[in-house]
Amino acid sequence: MSIETAGYLVTGLGLYAALGLVVALIYMFGGAGRIDPAAKGKGMPLRARLLIMPGVIGLWPVMVAKLFTQKEPPVS
């Protein structure tokens, strides 16, 4: 692998992580309540939101799809 290719790879991973961070912040402070009714309002403390942040950053394409396709929380 050349230095140029490694640079493109690092840049791509950085952009992926940056987009993931934006989606994670949107999800943690607004979108989580649309998917899980227990997370609405003050139902989910900040420490719990911070625990899910790395997973949302890594799986942000899945979370974006879930936020746009799921209309209401599932009934249990």
C-alpha atoms as a PDB file:
ATOM      1  CA  MET A   1       0.000   0.000   0.000  1.00  0.00           C
ATOM      2  CA  SER A   2       1.376   3.362  -0.942  1.00  0.00           C
ATOM      3  CA  ILE A   3       1.499   6.406   1.299  1.00  0.00           C
ATOM      4  CA  GLU A   4      -1.105   8.109  -0.863  1.00  0.00           C
ATOM      5  CA  THR A   5      -3.518   5.195  -0.535  1.00  0.00           C
ATOM      6  CA  ALA A   6      -2.990   5.121   3.233  1.00  0.00           C
ATOM      7  CA  GLY A   7      -3.756   8.832   3.356  1.00  0.00           C
ATOM      8  CA  TYR A   8      -7.014   8.305   1.468  1.00  0.00           C
ATOM      9  CA  LEU A   9      -7.932   5.470   3.815  1.00  0.00           C
ATOM     10  CA  VAL A  10      -7.281   7.568   6.922  1.00  0.00           C
ATOM     11  CA  THR A  11      -9.212  10.492   5.452  1.00  0.00           C
ATOM     12  CA  GLY A  12     -12.146   8.238   4.604  1.00  0.00           C
ATOM     13  CA  LEU A  13     -12.213   6.751   8.096  1.00  0.00           C
ATOM     14  CA  GLY A  14     -12.034  10.239   9.582  1.00  0.00           C
ATOM     15  CA  LEU A  15     -14.997  11.403   7.495  1.00  0.00           C
ATOM     16  CA  TYR A  16     -16.937   8.259   8.462  1.00  0.00           C
ATOM     17  CA  ALA A  17     -16.248   8.937  12.161  1.00  0.00           C
ATOM     18  CA  ALA A  18     -17.134  12.639  11.828  1.00  0.00           C
ATOM     19  CA  LEU A  19     -20.462  11.822  10.185  1.00  0.00           C
ATOM     20  CA  GLY A  20     -21.005   9.184  12.863  1.00  0.00           C
ATOM     21  CA  LEU A  21     -20.442  11.764  15.591  1.00  0.00           C
ATOM     22  CA  VAL A  22     -22.997  14.118  14.047  1.00  0.00           C
ATOM     23  CA  VAL A  23     -25.555  11.316  13.739  1.00  0.00           C
ATOM     24  CA  ALA A  24     -24.805  10.146  17.294  1.00  0.00           C
ATOM     25  CA  LEU A  25     -25.456  13.609  18.713  1.00  0.00           C
ATOM     26  CA  ILE A  26     -28.704  13.901  16.770  1.00  0.00           C
ATOM     27  CA  TYR A  27     -29.734  10.406  17.852  1.00  0.00           C
ATOM     28  CA  MET A  28     -28.790  10.810  21.506  1.00  0.00           C
ATOM     29  CA  PHE A  29     -30.552  14.128  22.037  1.00  0.00           C
ATOM     30  CA  GLY A  30     -33.556  13.776  19.761  1.00  0.00           C
ATOM     31  CA  GLY A  31     -33.944  10.591  17.789  1.00  0.00           C
ATOM     32  CA  ALA A  32     -33.669   8.004  20.548  1.00  0.00           C
ATOM     33  CA  GLY A  33     -37.181   8.805  21.724  1.00  0.00           C
ATOM     34  CA  ARG A  34     -38.585   7.982  18.291  1.00  0.00           C
ATOM     35  CA  ILE A  35     -37.142   4.470  18.424  1.00  0.00           C
ATOM     36  CA  ASP A  36     -37.380   3.662  22.139  1.00  0.00           C
ATOM     37  CA  PRO A  37     -40.201   5.140  24.257  1.00  0.00           C
ATOM     38  CA  ALA A  38     -38.102   4.761  27.447  1.00  0.00           C
ATOM     39  CA  ALA A  39     -35.600   7.258  26.038  1.00  0.00           C
ATOM     40  CA  LYS A  40     -38.138  10.054  25.555  1.00  0.00           C
ATOM     41  CA  GLY A  41     -37.567  13.269  27.423  1.00  0.00           C
ATOM     42  CA  LYS A  42     -35.608  12.818  30.631  1.00  0.00           C
ATOM     43  CA  GLY A  43     -36.081   9.024  30.615  1.00  0.00           C
ATOM     44  CA  MET A  44     -32.520   8.329  29.526  1.00  0.00           C
ATOM     45  CA  PRO A  45     -29.743   9.860  31.670  1.00  0.00           C
ATOM     46  CA  LEU A  46     -26.673  11.451  30.118  1.00  0.00           C
ATOM     47  CA  ARG A  47     -24.366   8.644  31.259  1.00  0.00           C
ATOM     48  CA  ALA A  48     -26.526   6.116  29.375  1.00  0.00           C
ATOM     49  CA  ARG A  49     -26.483   8.309  26.297  1.00  0.00           C
ATOM     50  CA  LEU A  50     -22.689   8.500  26.470  1.00  0.00           C
ATOM     51  CA  LEU A  51     -22.488   4.700  26.725  1.00  0.00           C
ATOM     52  CA  ILE A  52     -24.386   4.212  23.463  1.00  0.00           C
ATOM     53  CA  MET A  53     -22.431   6.907  21.643  1.00  0.00           C
ATOM     54  CA  PRO A  54     -19.556   4.674  20.340  1.00  0.00           C
ATOM     55  CA  GLY A  55     -22.008   2.141  18.961  1.00  0.00           C
ATOM     56  CA  VAL A  56     -24.024   4.805  17.174  1.00  0.00           C
ATOM     57  CA  ILE A  57     -20.841   6.322  15.727  1.00  0.00           C
ATOM     58  CA  GLY A  58     -19.773   2.953  14.342  1.00  0.00           C
ATOM     59  CA  LEU A  59     -23.207   1.947  13.049  1.00  0.00           C
ATOM     60  CA  TRP A  60     -24.471   5.334  11.937  1.00  0.00           C
ATOM     61  CA  PRO A  61     -25.785   4.174   8.521  1.00  0.00           C
ATOM     62  CA  VAL A  62     -28.066   1.678  10.296  1.00  0.00           C
ATOM     63  CA  MET A  63     -29.242   4.307  12.770  1.00  0.00           C
ATOM     64  CA  VAL A  64     -30.030   6.814  10.014  1.00  0.00           C
ATOM     65  CA  ALA A  65     -32.096   4.189   8.203  1.00  0.00           C
ATOM     66  CA  LYS A  66     -33.902   3.334  11.435  1.00  0.00           C
ATOM     67  CA  LEU A  67     -34.627   6.987  12.218  1.00  0.00           C
ATOM     68  CA  PHE A  68     -36.135   7.595   8.789  1.00  0.00           C
ATOM     69  CA  THR A  69     -38.090   4.350   8.362  1.00  0.00           C
ATOM     70  CA  GLN A  70     -39.539   3.712  11.820  1.00  0.00           C
ATOM     71  CA  LYS A  71     -42.641   5.852  12.286  1.00  0.00           C
ATOM     72  CA  GLU A  72     -43.540   5.015  15.887  1.00  0.00           C
ATOM     73  CA  PRO A  73     -41.963   3.028  18.722  1.00  0.00           C
ATOM     74  CA  PRO A  74     -42.652  -0.713  18.723  1.00  0.00           C
ATOM     75  CA  VAL A  75     -45.443  -1.904  20.994  1.00  0.00           C
ATOM     76  CA  SER A  76     -44.345  -4.311  23.694  1.00  0.00           C
END
